[in-house]
PDB file of N, CA and C in Angstrom:
ATOM      1  N   UNK A   1      10.398   0.200   7.040  1.00  0.00           N
ATOM      2  CA  UNK A   1      11.539  -0.529   6.178  1.00  0.00           C
ATOM      3  C   UNK A   1      10.969  -0.224   4.946  1.00  0.00           C
ATOM      4  N   UNK A   2      12.238  -0.598   4.350  1.00  0.00           N
ATOM      5  CA  UNK A   2      12.692  -0.466   3.295  1.00  0.00           C
ATOM      6  C   UNK A   2      11.780  -0.647   1.917  1.00  0.00           C
ATOM      7  N   UNK A   3      10.633   0.423   0.775  1.00  0.00           N
ATOM      8  CA  UNK A   3       9.652  -0.455   0.241  1.00  0.00           C
ATOM      9  C   UNK A   3       9.991  -1.702  -0.318  1.00  0.00           C
ATOM     10  N   UNK A   4      11.475  -1.502  -0.712  1.00  0.00           N
ATOM     11  CA  UNK A   4      11.658  -2.967  -2.119  1.00  0.00           C
ATOM     12  C   UNK A   4      11.877  -4.122  -0.702  1.00  0.00           C
ATOM     13  N   UNK A   5      12.042  -4.062   0.328  1.00  0.00           N
ATOM     14  CA  UNK A   5      12.406  -5.399   1.008  1.00  0.00           C
ATOM     15  C   UNK A   5      10.844  -6.061   1.573  1.00  0.00           C
ATOM     16  N   UNK A   6      10.240  -4.452   2.049  1.00  0.00           N
ATOM     17  CA  UNK A   6       9.003  -5.189   2.182  1.00  0.00           C
ATOM     18  C   UNK A   6       8.000  -5.816   0.845  1.00  0.00           C
ATOM     19  N   UNK A   7       8.462  -5.374  -0.049  1.00  0.00           N
ATOM     20  CA  UNK A   7       7.345  -5.967  -1.426  1.00  0.00           C
ATOM     21  C   UNK A   7       8.246  -7.273  -1.440  1.00  0.00           C
ATOM     22  N   UNK A   8       9.826  -7.671  -1.314  1.00  0.00           N
ATOM     23  CA  UNK A   8      10.268  -8.611  -1.812  1.00  0.00           C
ATOM     24  C   UNK A   8       9.386 -10.093  -0.514  1.00  0.00           C
ATOM     25  N   UNK A   9       9.065  -9.387   0.589  1.00  0.00           N
ATOM     26  CA  UNK A   9       8.691 -10.187   1.373  1.00  0.00           C
ATOM     27  C   UNK A   9       7.354 -10.250   1.599  1.00  0.00           C
ATOM     28  N   UNK A  10       6.737  -9.617   1.086  1.00  0.00           N
ATOM     29  CA  UNK A  10       5.119  -9.901   0.693  1.00  0.00           C
ATOM     30  C   UNK A  10       4.990 -11.058  -0.460  1.00  0.00           C
ATOM     31  N   UNK A  11       5.492 -10.755  -1.749  1.00  0.00           N
ATOM     32  CA  UNK A  11       5.707 -11.855  -2.765  1.00  0.00           C
ATOM     33  C   UNK A  11       6.032 -13.009  -2.270  1.00  0.00           C
ATOM     34  N   UNK A  12       7.173 -13.289  -1.125  1.00  0.00           N
ATOM     35  CA  UNK A  12       7.201 -14.706  -0.590  1.00  0.00           C
ATOM     36  C   UNK A  12       6.335 -15.341   0.020  1.00  0.00           C
ATOM     37  N   UNK A  13       5.785 -14.154   0.734  1.00  0.00           N
ATOM     38  CA  UNK A  13       4.123 -14.968   1.738  1.00  0.00           C
ATOM     39  C   UNK A  13       3.285 -15.262   0.738  1.00  0.00           C
ATOM     40  N   UNK A  14       3.234 -14.470  -0.036  1.00  0.00           N
ATOM     41  CA  UNK A  14       1.764 -14.501  -1.353  1.00  0.00           C
ATOM     42  C   UNK A  14       2.299 -16.423  -2.414  1.00  0.00           C
ATOM     43  N   UNK A  15       3.491 -16.402  -2.165  1.00  0.00           N
ATOM     44  CA  UNK A  15       3.522 -17.531  -2.862  1.00  0.00           C
ATOM     45  C   UNK A  15       3.558 -18.876  -2.026  1.00  0.00           C
ATOM     46  N   UNK A  16       3.077 -18.627  -0.373  1.00  0.00           N
ATOM     47  CA  UNK A  16       2.844 -19.350   0.643  1.00  0.00           C
ATOM     48  C   UNK A  16       1.948 -19.612   0.975  1.00  0.00           C
ATOM     49  N   UNK A  17       0.792 -18.421   0.446  1.00  0.00           N
ATOM     50  CA  UNK A  17      -0.562 -18.693   0.375  1.00  0.00           C
ATOM     51  C   UNK A  17      -1.147 -17.993   1.339  1.00  0.00           C
ATOM     52  N   UNK A  18      -0.363 -17.123   1.181  1.00  0.00           N
ATOM     53  CA  UNK A  18      -0.598 -16.062   3.030  1.00  0.00           C
ATOM     54  C   UNK A  18      -0.832 -14.750   1.874  1.00  0.00           C
ATOM     55  N   UNK A  19      -2.154 -13.887   1.802  1.00  0.00           N
ATOM     56  CA  UNK A  19      -2.576 -12.810   1.400  1.00  0.00           C
ATOM     57  C   UNK A  19      -1.440 -11.500   1.979  1.00  0.00           C
ATOM     58  N   UNK A  20      -1.685 -10.769   1.382  1.00  0.00           N
ATOM     59  CA  UNK A  20      -0.629  -9.256   2.001  1.00  0.00           C
ATOM     60  C   UNK A  20      -1.254  -8.352   0.607  1.00  0.00           C
ATOM     61  N   UNK A  21      -0.591  -7.176   1.686  1.00  0.00           N
ATOM     62  CA  UNK A  21      -1.184  -5.827   1.041  1.00  0.00           C
ATOM     63  C   UNK A  21      -0.071  -4.613   1.774  1.00  0.00           C
ATOM     64  N   UNK A  22       0.559  -4.187   0.718  1.00  0.00           N
ATOM     65  CA  UNK A  22       1.444  -3.387   1.296  1.00  0.00           C
ATOM     66  C   UNK A  22       1.525  -2.014   1.086  1.00  0.00           C
ATOM     67  N   UNK A  23       2.039  -0.587   1.866  1.00  0.00           N
ATOM     68  CA  UNK A  23       1.749   0.648   1.259  1.00  0.00           C
ATOM     69  C   UNK A  23       3.205   1.065   0.963  1.00  0.00           C
ATOM     70  N   UNK A  24       2.908   1.590   0.130  1.00  0.00           N
ATOM     71  CA  UNK A  24       3.947   2.744  -0.729  1.00  0.00           C
ATOM     72  C   UNK A  24       4.807   3.716  -0.630  1.00  0.00           C
ATOM     73  N   UNK A  25       6.069   4.394  -0.439  1.00  0.00           N
ATOM     74  CA  UNK A  25       6.259   5.540  -0.982  1.00  0.00           C
ATOM     75  C   UNK A  25       6.619   5.852  -1.621  1.00  0.00           C
ATOM     76  N   UNK A  26       7.534   4.815  -2.363  1.00  0.00           N
ATOM     77  CA  UNK A  26       8.350   5.332  -3.584  1.00  0.00           C
ATOM     78  C   UNK A  26       7.469   4.470  -5.069  1.00  0.00           C
ATOM     79  N   UNK A  27       6.891   5.491  -5.302  1.00  0.00           N
ATOM     80  CA  UNK A  27       6.127   4.408  -6.595  1.00  0.00           C
ATOM     81  C   UNK A  27       6.891   3.865  -7.819  1.00  0.00           C
ATOM     82  N   UNK A  28       8.340   4.663  -7.944  1.00  0.00           N
ATOM     83  CA  UNK A  28       9.278   3.397  -8.617  1.00  0.00           C
ATOM     84  C   UNK A  28       9.919   2.640  -8.509  1.00  0.00           C
ATOM     85  N   UNK A  29       9.827   2.559  -6.910  1.00  0.00           N
ATOM     86  CA  UNK A  29      10.596   0.848  -6.284  1.00  0.00           C
ATOM     87  C   UNK A  29       9.124  -0.096  -6.575  1.00  0.00           C
ATOM     88  N   UNK A  30       8.155   0.397  -6.253  1.00  0.00           N
ATOM     89  CA  UNK A  30       7.303   0.076  -6.132  1.00  0.00           C
ATOM     90  C   UNK A  30       6.970  -0.963  -7.691  1.00  0.00           C
ATOM     91  N   UNK A  31       7.206  -0.585  -8.356  1.00  0.00           N
ATOM     92  CA  UNK A  31       6.894  -0.656 -10.118  1.00  0.00           C
ATOM     93  C   UNK A  31       7.878  -1.545 -10.676  1.00  0.00           C
ATOM     94  N   UNK A  32       9.208  -1.514  -9.703  1.00  0.00           N
ATOM     95  CA  UNK A  32      10.531  -2.307 -10.721  1.00  0.00           C
ATOM     96  C   UNK A  32      10.117  -3.522  -9.614  1.00  0.00           C
ATOM     97  N   UNK A  33       9.645  -3.512  -8.268  1.00  0.00           N
ATOM     98  CA  UNK A  33       9.815  -4.918  -7.579  1.00  0.00           C
ATOM     99  C   UNK A  33       8.496  -5.675  -7.626  1.00  0.00           C
ATOM    100  N   UNK A  34       7.445  -4.778  -7.556  1.00  0.00           N
ATOM    101  CA  UNK A  34       6.072  -5.146  -8.605  1.00  0.00           C
ATOM    102  C   UNK A  34       5.419  -6.352  -6.791  1.00  0.00           C
ATOM    103  N   UNK A  35       5.525  -5.083  -5.758  1.00  0.00           N
ATOM    104  CA  UNK A  35       4.569  -6.329  -4.812  1.00  0.00           C
ATOM    105  C   UNK A  35       3.338  -6.710  -5.081  1.00  0.00           C
ATOM    106  N   UNK A  36       2.386  -8.136  -4.625  1.00  0.00           N
ATOM    107  CA  UNK A  36       1.154  -8.150  -4.936  1.00  0.00           C
ATOM    108  C   UNK A  36       0.440  -7.588  -5.132  1.00  0.00           C
ATOM    109  N   UNK A  37      -0.065  -6.502  -4.199  1.00  0.00           N
ATOM    110  CA  UNK A  37      -0.521  -5.355  -4.139  1.00  0.00           C
ATOM    111  C   UNK A  37      -0.112  -4.553  -3.158  1.00  0.00           C
ATOM    112  N   UNK A  38      -0.150  -3.229  -3.758  1.00  0.00           N
ATOM    113  CA  UNK A  38       0.350  -2.038  -2.778  1.00  0.00           C
ATOM    114  C   UNK A  38      -0.526  -0.860  -2.753  1.00  0.00           C
ATOM    115  N   UNK A  39      -0.402  -0.475  -2.099  1.00  0.00           N
ATOM    116  CA  UNK A  39      -1.038   1.392  -2.025  1.00  0.00           C
ATOM    117  C   UNK A  39      -0.338   1.780  -2.198  1.00  0.00           C
ATOM    118  N   UNK A  40       0.042   2.855  -2.690  1.00  0.00           N
ATOM    119  CA  UNK A  40       0.952   4.236  -3.166  1.00  0.00           C
ATOM    120  C   UNK A  40       0.397   5.748  -1.938  1.00  0.00           C
ATOM    121  N   UNK A  41       0.824   6.166  -1.379  1.00  0.00           N
ATOM    122  CA  UNK A  41       0.642   6.799  -0.477  1.00  0.00           C
ATOM    123  C   UNK A  41       1.516   7.964  -1.263  1.00  0.00           C
ATOM    124  N   UNK A  42       0.690   9.133  -0.791  1.00  0.00           N
ATOM    125  CA  UNK A  42       1.805  10.640  -1.038  1.00  0.00           C
ATOM    126  C   UNK A  42       2.370  11.076  -0.096  1.00  0.00           C
ATOM    127  N   UNK A  43       2.435  10.136   1.083  1.00  0.00           N
ATOM    128  CA  UNK A  43       2.758  11.186   2.264  1.00  0.00           C
ATOM    129  C   UNK A  43       4.455  11.090   2.310  1.00  0.00           C
ATOM    130  N   UNK A  44       5.084  11.583   3.667  1.00  0.00           N
ATOM    131  CA  UNK A  44       6.250  12.149   3.662  1.00  0.00           C
ATOM    132  C   UNK A  44       6.513  10.530   4.519  1.00  0.00           C
ATOM    133  N   UNK A  45       7.576  10.191   4.262  1.00  0.00           N
ATOM    134  CA  UNK A  45       8.464   8.645   4.994  1.00  0.00           C
ATOM    135  C   UNK A  45       7.983   9.032   6.653  1.00  0.00           C
ATOM    136  N   UNK A  46       7.684   7.641   7.314  1.00  0.00           N
ATOM    137  CA  UNK A  46       7.080   8.066   8.283  1.00  0.00           C
ATOM    138  C   UNK A  46       5.990   7.857   8.886  1.00  0.00           C
ATOM    139  N   UNK A  47       5.104   8.729   7.813  1.00  0.00           N
ATOM    140  CA  UNK A  47       3.871   9.089   8.046  1.00  0.00           C
ATOM    141  C   UNK A  47       2.828   8.378   7.292  1.00  0.00           C
ATOM    142  N   UNK A  48       2.799   6.822   7.354  1.00  0.00           N
ATOM    143  CA  UNK A  48       1.666   5.919   6.085  1.00  0.00           C
ATOM    144  C   UNK A  48       0.753   5.937   6.447  1.00  0.00           C
ATOM    145  N   UNK A  49      -0.169   6.739   7.580  1.00  0.00           N
ATOM    146  CA  UNK A  49      -1.674   7.204   7.479  1.00  0.00           C
ATOM    147  C   UNK A  49      -1.781   8.766   7.153  1.00  0.00           C
ATOM    148  N   UNK A  50      -0.691   9.331   6.707  1.00  0.00           N
ATOM    149  CA  UNK A  50      -1.094  10.730   6.864  1.00  0.00           C
ATOM    150  C   UNK A  50      -0.514  11.592   7.904  1.00  0.00           C
ATOM    151  N   UNK A  51      -1.302  13.006   8.002  1.00  0.00           N
ATOM    152  CA  UNK A  51      -0.506  13.569   9.005  1.00  0.00           C
ATOM    153  C   UNK A  51      -1.425  12.816  10.222  1.00  0.00           C
ATOM    154  N   UNK A  52      -0.177  13.423  11.532  1.00  0.00           N
ATOM    155  CA  UNK A  52      -1.009  12.696  12.892  1.00  0.00           C
ATOM    156  C   UNK A  52      -2.238  13.972  12.900  1.00  0.00           C
ATOM    157  N   UNK A  53      -2.721  13.306  13.916  1.00  0.00           N
ATOM    158  CA  UNK A  53      -4.442  13.845  14.647  1.00  0.00           C
ATOM    159  C   UNK A  53      -5.407  13.853  13.276  1.00  0.00           C
ATOM    160  N   UNK A  54      -5.497  12.899  12.428  1.00  0.00           N
ATOM    161  CA  UNK A  54      -6.566  13.192  11.257  1.00  0.00           C
ATOM    162  C   UNK A  54      -6.864  11.895  11.435  1.00  0.00           C
ATOM    163  N   UNK A  55      -8.120  11.506  12.229  1.00  0.00           N
ATOM    164  CA  UNK A  55      -8.136   9.848  11.928  1.00  0.00           C
ATOM    165  C   UNK A  55      -9.386  10.138  10.812  1.00  0.00           C
ATOM    166  N   UNK A  56      -9.936  10.764  10.587  1.00  0.00           N
ATOM    167  CA  UNK A  56     -10.780  10.179   9.029  1.00  0.00           C
ATOM    168  C   UNK A  56      -9.948  10.008   7.783  1.00  0.00           C
ATOM    169  N   UNK A  57      -8.901  10.746   7.565  1.00  0.00           N
ATOM    170  CA  UNK A  57      -8.305  10.535   6.299  1.00  0.00           C
ATOM    171  C   UNK A  57      -7.149   8.876   6.789  1.00  0.00           C
ATOM    172  N   UNK A  58      -6.609   8.881   8.172  1.00  0.00           N
ATOM    173  CA  UNK A  58      -6.055   7.520   8.614  1.00  0.00           C
ATOM    174  C   UNK A  58      -6.928   6.510   8.290  1.00  0.00           C
ATOM    175  N   UNK A  59      -8.193   6.716   8.717  1.00  0.00           N
ATOM    176  CA  UNK A  59      -9.051   5.394   8.298  1.00  0.00           C
ATOM    177  C   UNK A  59      -9.431   5.178   7.111  1.00  0.00           C
ATOM    178  N   UNK A  60      -9.131   6.310   6.424  1.00  0.00           N
ATOM    179  CA  UNK A  60      -9.730   6.244   4.445  1.00  0.00           C
ATOM    180  C   UNK A  60      -8.439   5.590   4.140  1.00  0.00           C
ATOM    181  N   UNK A  61      -7.474   5.419   4.484  1.00  0.00           N
ATOM    182  CA  UNK A  61      -5.733   5.199   4.282  1.00  0.00           C
ATOM    183  C   UNK A  61      -5.948   3.357   4.431  1.00  0.00           C
ATOM    184  N   UNK A  62      -6.652   3.210   5.694  1.00  0.00           N
ATOM    185  CA  UNK A  62      -6.347   1.401   6.422  1.00  0.00           C
ATOM    186  C   UNK A  62      -7.441   1.271   5.214  1.00  0.00           C
ATOM    187  N   UNK A  63      -8.912   2.055   4.785  1.00  0.00           N
ATOM    188  CA  UNK A  63      -9.987   1.780   4.160  1.00  0.00           C
ATOM    189  C   UNK A  63      -9.167   0.943   2.602  1.00  0.00           C
ATOM    190  N   UNK A  64      -8.794   1.717   2.416  1.00  0.00           N
ATOM    191  CA  UNK A  64      -8.355   1.345   0.443  1.00  0.00           C
ATOM    192  C   UNK A  64      -7.089   0.533   0.768  1.00  0.00           C
ATOM    193  N   UNK A  65      -5.945   0.983   1.549  1.00  0.00           N
ATOM    194  CA  UNK A  65      -5.283  -0.579   1.940  1.00  0.00           C
ATOM    195  C   UNK A  65      -5.845  -2.310   1.931  1.00  0.00           C
ATOM    196  N   UNK A  66      -6.663  -2.473   3.060  1.00  0.00           N
ATOM    197  CA  UNK A  66      -7.046  -3.709   3.188  1.00  0.00           C
ATOM    198  C   UNK A  66      -8.601  -3.879   2.336  1.00  0.00           C
ATOM    199  N   UNK A  67      -9.088  -2.906   1.566  1.00  0.00           N
ATOM    200  CA  UNK A  67     -10.021  -3.260   0.027  1.00  0.00           C
ATOM    201  C   UNK A  67      -8.623  -4.011  -1.387  1.00  0.00           C
ATOM    202  N   UNK A  68      -7.630  -3.880  -0.738  1.00  0.00           N
ATOM    203  CA  UNK A  68      -6.688  -4.391  -1.467  1.00  0.00           C
ATOM    204  C   UNK A  68      -6.746  -5.954  -1.939  1.00  0.00           C
ATOM    205  N   UNK A  69      -7.298  -6.223  -0.531  1.00  0.00           N
ATOM    206  CA  UNK A  69      -7.368  -7.698  -0.605  1.00  0.00           C
ATOM    207  C   UNK A  69      -7.832  -8.051  -1.572  1.00  0.00           C
ATOM    208  N   UNK A  70      -9.131  -7.729  -1.494  1.00  0.00           N
ATOM    209  CA  UNK A  70     -10.546  -8.058  -2.373  1.00  0.00           C
ATOM    210  C   UNK A  70      -9.763  -8.205  -4.313  1.00  0.00           C
ATOM    211  N   UNK A  71      -9.140  -7.659  -4.464  1.00  0.00           N
ATOM    212  CA  UNK A  71      -8.684  -7.616  -5.707  1.00  0.00           C
ATOM    213  C   UNK A  71      -7.981  -9.328  -6.171  1.00  0.00           C
ATOM    214  N   UNK A  72      -8.287  -9.682  -7.528  1.00  0.00           N
ATOM    215  CA  UNK A  72      -7.876 -10.987  -7.522  1.00  0.00           C
ATOM    216  C   UNK A  72      -6.485 -11.237  -8.000  1.00  0.00           C
ATOM    217  N   UNK A  73      -5.817 -12.198  -8.028  1.00  0.00           N
ATOM    218  CA  UNK A  73      -4.421 -11.943  -7.997  1.00  0.00           C
ATOM    219  C   UNK A  73      -4.562 -12.707 -10.107  1.00  0.00           C
ATOM    220  N   UNK A  74      -3.070 -12.801  -9.753  1.00  0.00           N
ATOM    221  CA  UNK A  74      -2.004 -13.042  -9.095  1.00  0.00           C
ATOM    222  C   UNK A  74      -1.382 -11.857  -8.701  1.00  0.00           C
ATOM    223  N   UNK A  75      -1.196 -10.812  -9.536  1.00  0.00           N
ATOM    224  CA  UNK A  75      -0.869  -9.266  -9.075  1.00  0.00           C
ATOM    225  C   UNK A  75      -0.076  -9.230 -10.048  1.00  0.00           C
ATOM    226  N   UNK A  76       0.644  -8.040 -10.374  1.00  0.00           N
ATOM    227  CA  UNK A  76       0.735  -7.024  -9.157  1.00  0.00           C
ATOM    228  C   UNK A  76      -0.221  -5.732  -9.101  1.00  0.00           C
ATOM    229  N   UNK A  77      -1.133  -5.677  -8.054  1.00  0.00           N
ATOM    230  CA  UNK A  77      -1.570  -4.854  -7.932  1.00  0.00           C
ATOM    231  C   UNK A  77      -0.980  -3.226  -7.076  1.00  0.00           C
ATOM    232  N   UNK A  78      -0.842  -2.207  -8.082  1.00  0.00           N
ATOM    233  CA  UNK A  78      -0.675  -0.745  -7.618  1.00  0.00           C
ATOM    234  C   UNK A  78      -1.747   0.031  -7.760  1.00  0.00           C
ATOM    235  N   UNK A  79      -2.126   0.662  -6.773  1.00  0.00           N
ATOM    236  CA  UNK A  79      -2.590   1.827  -6.851  1.00  0.00           C
ATOM    237  C   UNK A  79      -2.778   2.971  -6.045  1.00  0.00           C
ATOM    238  N   UNK A  80      -3.142   4.061  -6.140  1.00  0.00           N
ATOM    239  CA  UNK A  80      -2.892   5.214  -5.786  1.00  0.00           C
ATOM    240  C   UNK A  80      -3.967   5.593  -4.863  1.00  0.00           C
ATOM    241  N   UNK A  81      -3.135   6.214  -3.345  1.00  0.00           N
ATOM    242  CA  UNK A  81      -4.491   6.414  -2.496  1.00  0.00           C
ATOM    243  C   UNK A  81      -5.168   7.468  -3.046  1.00  0.00           C
ATOM    244  N   UNK A  82      -6.641   7.733  -3.289  1.00  0.00           N
ATOM    245  CA  UNK A  82      -7.782   8.318  -3.316  1.00  0.00           C
ATOM    246  C   UNK A  82      -8.285   9.139  -2.439  1.00  0.00           C
ATOM    247  N   UNK A  83      -8.413  10.270  -1.537  1.00  0.00           N
ATOM    248  CA  UNK A  83      -8.790  10.917  -0.326  1.00  0.00           C
ATOM    249  C   UNK A  83      -9.537  11.055  -0.904  1.00  0.00           C
ATOM    250  N   UNK A  84     -11.105  10.778   0.043  1.00  0.00           N
ATOM    251  CA  UNK A  84     -12.397  11.014   0.043  1.00  0.00           C
ATOM    252  C   UNK A  84     -12.925  12.055   0.239  1.00  0.00           C
ATOM    253  N   UNK A  85     -11.792  12.600   1.290  1.00  0.00           N
ATOM    254  CA  UNK A  85     -12.350  13.996   1.669  1.00  0.00           C
ATOM    255  C   UNK A  85     -11.832  15.204   1.340  1.00  0.00           C
ATOM    256  N   UNK A  86     -10.811  14.676   0.391  1.00  0.00           N
ATOM    257  CA  UNK A  86     -10.523  15.859  -0.538  1.00  0.00           C
ATOM    258  C   UNK A  86      -8.942  16.503  -0.106  1.00  0.00           C
ATOM    259  N   UNK A  87      -8.530  15.707   0.989  1.00  0.00           N
ATOM    260  CA  UNK A  87      -7.150  16.297   1.499  1.00  0.00           C
ATOM    261  C   UNK A  87      -6.596  16.388   0.360  1.00  0.00           C
ATOM    262  N   UNK A  88      -6.694  15.392   0.211  1.00  0.00           N
ATOM    263  CA  UNK A  88      -5.302  15.043  -1.413  1.00  0.00           C
ATOM    264  C   UNK A  88      -5.214  15.659  -2.754  1.00  0.00           C
TER     265      UNK A  88
END
């Protein structure tokens, strides 16, 4: 889905009291639209968890994404993915 659309939907869900996290490929769009909580991932479009067949990397991406739920609101919070295994 479009980074902008997902960010706008997330903001509406947050206003309804539902916590959200998103992953974004285009940092400049996230900075303009300002989703409540987002993790910028440096991967190609279509690969939100990184390279196929790399469960360690993919688990790392998911952990960092869900960790954003611990961030205090109201946001926006935009963090950059940091590979723990030195992949990136």
